[in-house]
PDB file of N, CA and C in Angstrom:
ATOM      1  N   UNK A   1     -51.935  45.579  20.483  1.00  0.00           N
ATOM      2  CA  UNK A   1     -53.370  44.867  19.899  1.00  0.00           C
ATOM      3  C   UNK A   1     -52.927  43.626  19.413  1.00  0.00           C
ATOM      4  N   UNK A   2     -53.823  42.563  19.601  1.00  0.00           N
ATOM      5  CA  UNK A   2     -53.710  41.121  19.357  1.00  0.00           C
ATOM      6  C   UNK A   2     -54.752  41.149  18.107  1.00  0.00           C
ATOM      7  N   UNK A   3     -54.654  40.053  17.456  1.00  0.00           N
ATOM      8  CA  UNK A   3     -55.464  39.771  16.344  1.00  0.00           C
ATOM      9  C   UNK A   3     -56.918  39.613  16.807  1.00  0.00           C
ATOM     10  N   UNK A   4     -57.674  40.016  15.806  1.00  0.00           N
ATOM     11  CA  UNK A   4     -59.281  39.869  15.959  1.00  0.00           C
ATOM     12  C   UNK A   4     -60.116  40.679  14.961  1.00  0.00           C
ATOM     13  N   UNK A   5     -61.122  41.436  15.390  1.00  0.00           N
ATOM     14  CA  UNK A   5     -61.891  42.251  14.519  1.00  0.00           C
ATOM     15  C   UNK A   5     -61.494  43.758  14.533  1.00  0.00           C
ATOM     16  N   UNK A   6     -61.196  44.511  13.356  1.00  0.00           N
ATOM     17  CA  UNK A   6     -60.559  45.350  13.507  1.00  0.00           C
ATOM     18  C   UNK A   6     -61.474  46.580  12.538  1.00  0.00           C
ATOM     19  N   UNK A   7     -61.463  47.865  12.521  1.00  0.00           N
ATOM     20  CA  UNK A   7     -62.018  48.560  11.528  1.00  0.00           C
ATOM     21  C   UNK A   7     -60.542  49.421  11.155  1.00  0.00           C
ATOM     22  N   UNK A   8     -60.298  49.295   9.845  1.00  0.00           N
ATOM     23  CA  UNK A   8     -59.073  50.021   9.486  1.00  0.00           C
ATOM     24  C   UNK A   8     -59.348  51.207   8.632  1.00  0.00           C
ATOM     25  N   UNK A   9     -59.034  52.519   8.800  1.00  0.00           N
ATOM     26  CA  UNK A   9     -59.488  53.534   8.213  1.00  0.00           C
ATOM     27  C   UNK A   9     -58.350  54.138   7.432  1.00  0.00           C
ATOM     28  N   UNK A  10     -58.310  54.573   6.326  1.00  0.00           N
ATOM     29  CA  UNK A  10     -57.362  54.963   5.277  1.00  0.00           C
ATOM     30  C   UNK A  10     -57.336  56.529   5.235  1.00  0.00           C
ATOM     31  N   UNK A  11     -56.362  57.231   4.878  1.00  0.00           N
ATOM     32  CA  UNK A  11     -56.397  58.512   4.620  1.00  0.00           C
ATOM     33  C   UNK A  11     -57.238  58.937   3.535  1.00  0.00           C
ATOM     34  N   UNK A  12     -58.029  60.128   3.510  1.00  0.00           N
ATOM     35  CA  UNK A  12     -58.628  60.702   2.350  1.00  0.00           C
ATOM     36  C   UNK A  12     -58.016  60.492   1.058  1.00  0.00           C
ATOM     37  N   UNK A  13     -57.056  60.754   0.807  1.00  0.00           N
ATOM     38  CA  UNK A  13     -56.383  60.446  -0.521  1.00  0.00           C
ATOM     39  C   UNK A  13     -56.060  59.226  -1.008  1.00  0.00           C
ATOM     40  N   UNK A  14     -56.304  58.084  -0.389  1.00  0.00           N
ATOM     41  CA  UNK A  14     -56.284  56.749  -0.732  1.00  0.00           C
ATOM     42  C   UNK A  14     -57.386  56.588  -1.660  1.00  0.00           C
ATOM     43  N   UNK A  15     -57.239  56.041  -2.851  1.00  0.00           N
ATOM     44  CA  UNK A  15     -58.169  55.493  -3.754  1.00  0.00           C
ATOM     45  C   UNK A  15     -59.016  54.359  -3.522  1.00  0.00           C
ATOM     46  N   UNK A  16     -60.109  54.210  -3.827  1.00  0.00           N
ATOM     47  CA  UNK A  16     -61.104  52.790  -3.584  1.00  0.00           C
ATOM     48  C   UNK A  16     -60.413  51.508  -4.267  1.00  0.00           C
ATOM     49  N   UNK A  17     -59.636  52.102  -5.398  1.00  0.00           N
ATOM     50  CA  UNK A  17     -58.550  50.994  -5.995  1.00  0.00           C
ATOM     51  C   UNK A  17     -57.634  50.297  -5.192  1.00  0.00           C
ATOM     52  N   UNK A  18     -57.006  51.388  -4.480  1.00  0.00           N
ATOM     53  CA  UNK A  18     -55.673  51.090  -3.747  1.00  0.00           C
ATOM     54  C   UNK A  18     -56.411  50.267  -2.388  1.00  0.00           C
ATOM     55  N   UNK A  19     -57.505  50.557  -1.828  1.00  0.00           N
ATOM     56  CA  UNK A  19     -58.012  50.048  -0.766  1.00  0.00           C
ATOM     57  C   UNK A  19     -58.430  48.481  -1.098  1.00  0.00           C
ATOM     58  N   UNK A  20     -59.055  48.407  -2.449  1.00  0.00           N
ATOM     59  CA  UNK A  20     -59.435  47.097  -2.904  1.00  0.00           C
ATOM     60  C   UNK A  20     -58.057  46.272  -2.975  1.00  0.00           C
ATOM     61  N   UNK A  21     -56.932  46.633  -3.276  1.00  0.00           N
ATOM     62  CA  UNK A  21     -55.797  45.986  -3.115  1.00  0.00           C
ATOM     63  C   UNK A  21     -55.441  45.357  -1.709  1.00  0.00           C
ATOM     64  N   UNK A  22     -55.746  46.167  -0.533  1.00  0.00           N
ATOM     65  CA  UNK A  22     -55.725  45.901   0.667  1.00  0.00           C
ATOM     66  C   UNK A  22     -56.731  44.988   1.055  1.00  0.00           C
ATOM     67  N   UNK A  23     -57.915  44.880   0.589  1.00  0.00           N
ATOM     68  CA  UNK A  23     -58.972  43.943   0.944  1.00  0.00           C
ATOM     69  C   UNK A  23     -58.655  42.550   0.222  1.00  0.00           C
ATOM     70  N   UNK A  24     -58.112  42.531  -0.778  1.00  0.00           N
ATOM     71  CA  UNK A  24     -57.646  41.295  -1.326  1.00  0.00           C
ATOM     72  C   UNK A  24     -56.554  40.731  -0.559  1.00  0.00           C
ATOM     73  N   UNK A  25     -55.758  41.467  -0.102  1.00  0.00           N
ATOM     74  CA  UNK A  25     -54.508  41.352   0.667  1.00  0.00           C
ATOM     75  C   UNK A  25     -55.082  40.545   1.873  1.00  0.00           C
ATOM     76  N   UNK A  26     -55.757  41.167   2.613  1.00  0.00           N
ATOM     77  CA  UNK A  26     -56.377  40.551   3.976  1.00  0.00           C
ATOM     78  C   UNK A  26     -57.187  39.289   3.599  1.00  0.00           C
ATOM     79  N   UNK A  27     -58.157  38.960   2.605  1.00  0.00           N
ATOM     80  CA  UNK A  27     -58.739  37.787   2.051  1.00  0.00           C
ATOM     81  C   UNK A  27     -57.750  36.626   1.772  1.00  0.00           C
ATOM     82  N   UNK A  28     -56.847  37.035   0.993  1.00  0.00           N
ATOM     83  CA  UNK A  28     -55.596  36.172   0.639  1.00  0.00           C
ATOM     84  C   UNK A  28     -54.817  35.447   1.555  1.00  0.00           C
ATOM     85  N   UNK A  29     -54.606  36.314   2.766  1.00  0.00           N
ATOM     86  CA  UNK A  29     -53.764  35.938   3.802  1.00  0.00           C
ATOM     87  C   UNK A  29     -54.366  35.343   5.123  1.00  0.00           C
ATOM     88  N   UNK A  30     -55.854  34.845   4.966  1.00  0.00           N
ATOM     89  CA  UNK A  30     -56.240  34.182   5.897  1.00  0.00           C
ATOM     90  C   UNK A  30     -57.158  35.119   6.743  1.00  0.00           C
ATOM     91  N   UNK A  31     -57.557  36.307   6.481  1.00  0.00           N
ATOM     92  CA  UNK A  31     -58.223  37.150   7.086  1.00  0.00           C
ATOM     93  C   UNK A  31     -59.491  37.131   6.478  1.00  0.00           C
ATOM     94  N   UNK A  32     -60.278  38.265   6.744  1.00  0.00           N
ATOM     95  CA  UNK A  32     -61.781  38.048   6.270  1.00  0.00           C
ATOM     96  C   UNK A  32     -62.317  39.715   6.405  1.00  0.00           C
ATOM     97  N   UNK A  33     -62.470  40.618   5.166  1.00  0.00           N
ATOM     98  CA  UNK A  33     -63.009  41.780   5.161  1.00  0.00           C
ATOM     99  C   UNK A  33     -64.638  41.495   5.392  1.00  0.00           C
ATOM    100  N   UNK A  34     -65.203  41.995   6.226  1.00  0.00           N
ATOM    101  CA  UNK A  34     -66.869  41.706   6.739  1.00  0.00           C
ATOM    102  C   UNK A  34     -67.256  43.003   6.217  1.00  0.00           C
ATOM    103  N   UNK A  35     -67.043  44.279   5.871  1.00  0.00           N
ATOM    104  CA  UNK A  35     -67.692  45.340   5.491  1.00  0.00           C
ATOM    105  C   UNK A  35     -66.693  46.456   4.941  1.00  0.00           C
ATOM    106  N   UNK A  36     -67.121  47.036   3.892  1.00  0.00           N
ATOM    107  CA  UNK A  36     -66.477  48.188   3.392  1.00  0.00           C
ATOM    108  C   UNK A  36     -67.352  49.414   3.735  1.00  0.00           C
ATOM    109  N   UNK A  37     -66.696  50.483   4.194  1.00  0.00           N
ATOM    110  CA  UNK A  37     -67.316  51.618   4.423  1.00  0.00           C
ATOM    111  C   UNK A  37     -66.906  52.653   3.582  1.00  0.00           C
ATOM    112  N   UNK A  38     -67.081  52.205   2.011  1.00  0.00           N
ATOM    113  CA  UNK A  38     -66.817  53.377   1.158  1.00  0.00           C
ATOM    114  C   UNK A  38     -67.724  54.960   1.216  1.00  0.00           C
ATOM    115  N   UNK A  39     -68.906  54.779   1.517  1.00  0.00           N
ATOM    116  CA  UNK A  39     -69.428  55.770   1.469  1.00  0.00           C
ATOM    117  C   UNK A  39     -69.267  56.896   2.866  1.00  0.00           C
ATOM    118  N   UNK A  40     -68.982  56.085   4.175  1.00  0.00           N
ATOM    119  CA  UNK A  40     -69.101  56.633   5.299  1.00  0.00           C
ATOM    120  C   UNK A  40     -67.434  56.843   5.479  1.00  0.00           C
ATOM    121  N   UNK A  41     -66.826  55.962   5.481  1.00  0.00           N
ATOM    122  CA  UNK A  41     -65.321  56.178   6.009  1.00  0.00           C
ATOM    123  C   UNK A  41     -64.808  55.506   4.768  1.00  0.00           C
ATOM    124  N   UNK A  42     -63.400  55.763   4.843  1.00  0.00           N
ATOM    125  CA  UNK A  42     -62.469  55.602   3.639  1.00  0.00           C
ATOM    126  C   UNK A  42     -61.686  54.271   4.121  1.00  0.00           C
ATOM    127  N   UNK A  43     -62.409  53.078   4.381  1.00  0.00           N
ATOM    128  CA  UNK A  43     -61.814  51.966   4.878  1.00  0.00           C
ATOM    129  C   UNK A  43     -62.682  50.573   5.092  1.00  0.00           C
ATOM    130  N   UNK A  44     -62.367  49.819   5.978  1.00  0.00           N
ATOM    131  CA  UNK A  44     -63.183  48.494   6.016  1.00  0.00           C
ATOM    132  C   UNK A  44     -63.092  47.915   7.492  1.00  0.00           C
ATOM    133  N   UNK A  45     -64.051  47.155   7.810  1.00  0.00           N
ATOM    134  CA  UNK A  45     -64.006  46.263   8.960  1.00  0.00           C
ATOM    135  C   UNK A  45     -63.439  44.773   8.432  1.00  0.00           C
ATOM    136  N   UNK A  46     -62.667  44.315   9.124  1.00  0.00           N
ATOM    137  CA  UNK A  46     -61.998  42.996   9.064  1.00  0.00           C
ATOM    138  C   UNK A  46     -61.712  42.066  10.190  1.00  0.00           C
ATOM    139  N   UNK A  47     -61.662  40.716   9.857  1.00  0.00           N
ATOM    140  CA  UNK A  47     -60.901  40.147  10.911  1.00  0.00           C
ATOM    141  C   UNK A  47     -59.595  39.891  10.452  1.00  0.00           C
ATOM    142  N   UNK A  48     -58.717  40.111  11.226  1.00  0.00           N
ATOM    143  CA  UNK A  48     -57.033  40.127  10.612  1.00  0.00           C
ATOM    144  C   UNK A  48     -56.535  39.099  11.344  1.00  0.00           C
ATOM    145  N   UNK A  49     -55.510  38.429  10.539  1.00  0.00           N
ATOM    146  CA  UNK A  49     -54.491  37.661  11.305  1.00  0.00           C
ATOM    147  C   UNK A  49     -53.433  38.573  12.005  1.00  0.00           C
ATOM    148  N   UNK A  50     -52.758  37.813  12.882  1.00  0.00           N
ATOM    149  CA  UNK A  50     -51.677  38.710  13.682  1.00  0.00           C
ATOM    150  C   UNK A  50     -50.669  39.307  12.650  1.00  0.00           C
ATOM    151  N   UNK A  51     -50.225  38.732  11.465  1.00  0.00           N
ATOM    152  CA  UNK A  51     -49.388  39.006  10.422  1.00  0.00           C
ATOM    153  C   UNK A  51     -50.102  40.426   9.729  1.00  0.00           C
ATOM    154  N   UNK A  52     -51.257  40.115   9.430  1.00  0.00           N
ATOM    155  CA  UNK A  52     -51.824  41.101   8.776  1.00  0.00           C
ATOM    156  C   UNK A  52     -52.106  42.360   9.668  1.00  0.00           C
ATOM    157  N   UNK A  53     -52.336  42.186  10.868  1.00  0.00           N
ATOM    158  CA  UNK A  53     -52.406  43.480  11.866  1.00  0.00           C
ATOM    159  C   UNK A  53     -51.163  44.001  11.888  1.00  0.00           C
ATOM    160  N   UNK A  54     -50.072  43.487  12.005  1.00  0.00           N
ATOM    161  CA  UNK A  54     -48.842  43.847  12.219  1.00  0.00           C
ATOM    162  C   UNK A  54     -48.236  44.869  10.995  1.00  0.00           C
ATOM    163  N   UNK A  55     -48.802  44.282   9.592  1.00  0.00           N
ATOM    164  CA  UNK A  55     -48.411  44.787   8.386  1.00  0.00           C
ATOM    165  C   UNK A  55     -49.334  46.177   8.408  1.00  0.00           C
ATOM    166  N   UNK A  56     -50.509  46.217   8.700  1.00  0.00           N
ATOM    167  CA  UNK A  56     -51.336  47.261   8.714  1.00  0.00           C
ATOM    168  C   UNK A  56     -50.798  48.621   9.652  1.00  0.00           C
ATOM    169  N   UNK A  57     -50.289  48.134  10.844  1.00  0.00           N
ATOM    170  CA  UNK A  57     -49.949  48.912  11.990  1.00  0.00           C
ATOM    171  C   UNK A  57     -48.701  49.666  11.305  1.00  0.00           C
ATOM    172  N   UNK A  58     -47.971  48.940  10.602  1.00  0.00           N
ATOM    173  CA  UNK A  58     -46.468  49.581  10.063  1.00  0.00           C
ATOM    174  C   UNK A  58     -46.942  50.603   9.072  1.00  0.00           C
ATOM    175  N   UNK A  59     -48.275  50.675   8.409  1.00  0.00           N
ATOM    176  CA  UNK A  59     -48.603  51.657   7.310  1.00  0.00           C
ATOM    177  C   UNK A  59     -49.288  53.056   8.022  1.00  0.00           C
ATOM    178  N   UNK A  60     -49.387  52.773   9.455  1.00  0.00           N
ATOM    179  CA  UNK A  60     -50.307  53.900  10.148  1.00  0.00           C
ATOM    180  C   UNK A  60     -49.473  55.055  10.143  1.00  0.00           C
ATOM    181  N   UNK A  61     -50.183  56.262   9.544  1.00  0.00           N
ATOM    182  CA  UNK A  61     -49.239  57.176   9.525  1.00  0.00           C
ATOM    183  C   UNK A  61     -48.863  57.836   8.021  1.00  0.00           C
ATOM    184  N   UNK A  62     -48.772  56.560   7.294  1.00  0.00           N
ATOM    185  CA  UNK A  62     -48.641  56.565   5.582  1.00  0.00           C
ATOM    186  C   UNK A  62     -50.147  56.722   5.134  1.00  0.00           C
ATOM    187  N   UNK A  63     -50.317  55.371   4.463  1.00  0.00           N
ATOM    188  CA  UNK A  63     -51.825  55.413   3.801  1.00  0.00           C
ATOM    189  C   UNK A  63     -52.911  55.213   4.942  1.00  0.00           C
ATOM    190  N   UNK A  64     -52.561  54.633   6.105  1.00  0.00           N
ATOM    191  CA  UNK A  64     -53.790  54.299   7.084  1.00  0.00           C
ATOM    192  C   UNK A  64     -53.754  55.344   7.950  1.00  0.00           C
ATOM    193  N   UNK A  65     -54.961  55.939   8.218  1.00  0.00           N
ATOM    194  CA  UNK A  65     -55.159  57.108   9.211  1.00  0.00           C
ATOM    195  C   UNK A  65     -55.265  56.407  10.684  1.00  0.00           C
ATOM    196  N   UNK A  66     -55.949  55.450  10.889  1.00  0.00           N
ATOM    197  CA  UNK A  66     -55.870  54.593  12.272  1.00  0.00           C
ATOM    198  C   UNK A  66     -56.546  53.300  12.078  1.00  0.00           C
ATOM    199  N   UNK A  67     -56.263  52.517  13.212  1.00  0.00           N
ATOM    200  CA  UNK A  67     -56.795  51.170  13.261  1.00  0.00           C
ATOM    201  C   UNK A  67     -57.272  51.250  14.576  1.00  0.00           C
ATOM    202  N   UNK A  68     -58.665  50.637  14.641  1.00  0.00           N
ATOM    203  CA  UNK A  68     -59.237  50.314  15.976  1.00  0.00           C
ATOM    204  C   UNK A  68     -59.995  49.239  16.198  1.00  0.00           C
ATOM    205  N   UNK A  69     -60.112  48.592  17.219  1.00  0.00           N
ATOM    206  CA  UNK A  69     -60.778  47.369  17.401  1.00  0.00           C
ATOM    207  C   UNK A  69     -62.189  47.643  17.273  1.00  0.00           C
ATOM    208  N   UNK A  70     -62.898  46.655  16.550  1.00  0.00           N
ATOM    209  CA  UNK A  70     -64.269  46.615  16.144  1.00  0.00           C
ATOM    210  C   UNK A  70     -65.037  46.315  17.352  1.00  0.00           C
ATOM    211  N   UNK A  71     -66.062  46.773  17.571  1.00  0.00           N
ATOM    212  CA  UNK A  71     -67.071  46.363  18.699  1.00  0.00           C
ATOM    213  C   UNK A  71     -68.274  47.027  18.678  1.00  0.00           C
ATOM    214  N   UNK A  72     -69.000  47.066  19.747  1.00  0.00           N
ATOM    215  CA  UNK A  72     -70.333  47.527  19.829  1.00  0.00           C
ATOM    216  C   UNK A  72     -69.833  48.880  20.854  1.00  0.00           C
ATOM    217  N   UNK A  73     -70.507  49.869  20.257  1.00  0.00           N
ATOM    218  CA  UNK A  73     -70.570  51.233  21.153  1.00  0.00           C
ATOM    219  C   UNK A  73     -71.793  51.505  21.521  1.00  0.00           C
ATOM    220  N   UNK A  74     -71.949  51.784  22.820  1.00  0.00           N
ATOM    221  CA  UNK A  74     -73.282  52.186  23.426  1.00  0.00           C
ATOM    222  C   UNK A  74     -73.171  53.522  24.145  1.00  0.00           C
ATOM    223  N   UNK A  75     -74.185  54.228  24.247  1.00  0.00           N
ATOM    224  CA  UNK A  75     -74.136  55.428  24.833  1.00  0.00           C
ATOM    225  C   UNK A  75     -75.402  55.282  26.067  1.00  0.00           C
ATOM    226  N   UNK A  76     -75.062  56.090  26.986  1.00  0.00           N
ATOM    227  CA  UNK A  76     -76.174  56.184  28.244  1.00  0.00           C
ATOM    228  C   UNK A  76     -77.144  57.090  28.129  1.00  0.00           C
TER     229      UNK A  76
END
């Protein structure tokens, strides 16, 4: 995956305070969190720098359940 827009979903046991720390990390390191999904998913949508993306990918399986590219989904 290259840098760009992604949805980052955390495991259910990760608290909102912990997620806020990751949100602040993204915003401080040149990315931008565009939406939080506190009531739907335990996560957020963000534009991630390559470095932030790599950092989050290293957390997959730990506190992060999955990361996927953010985009439009259509049905037939």
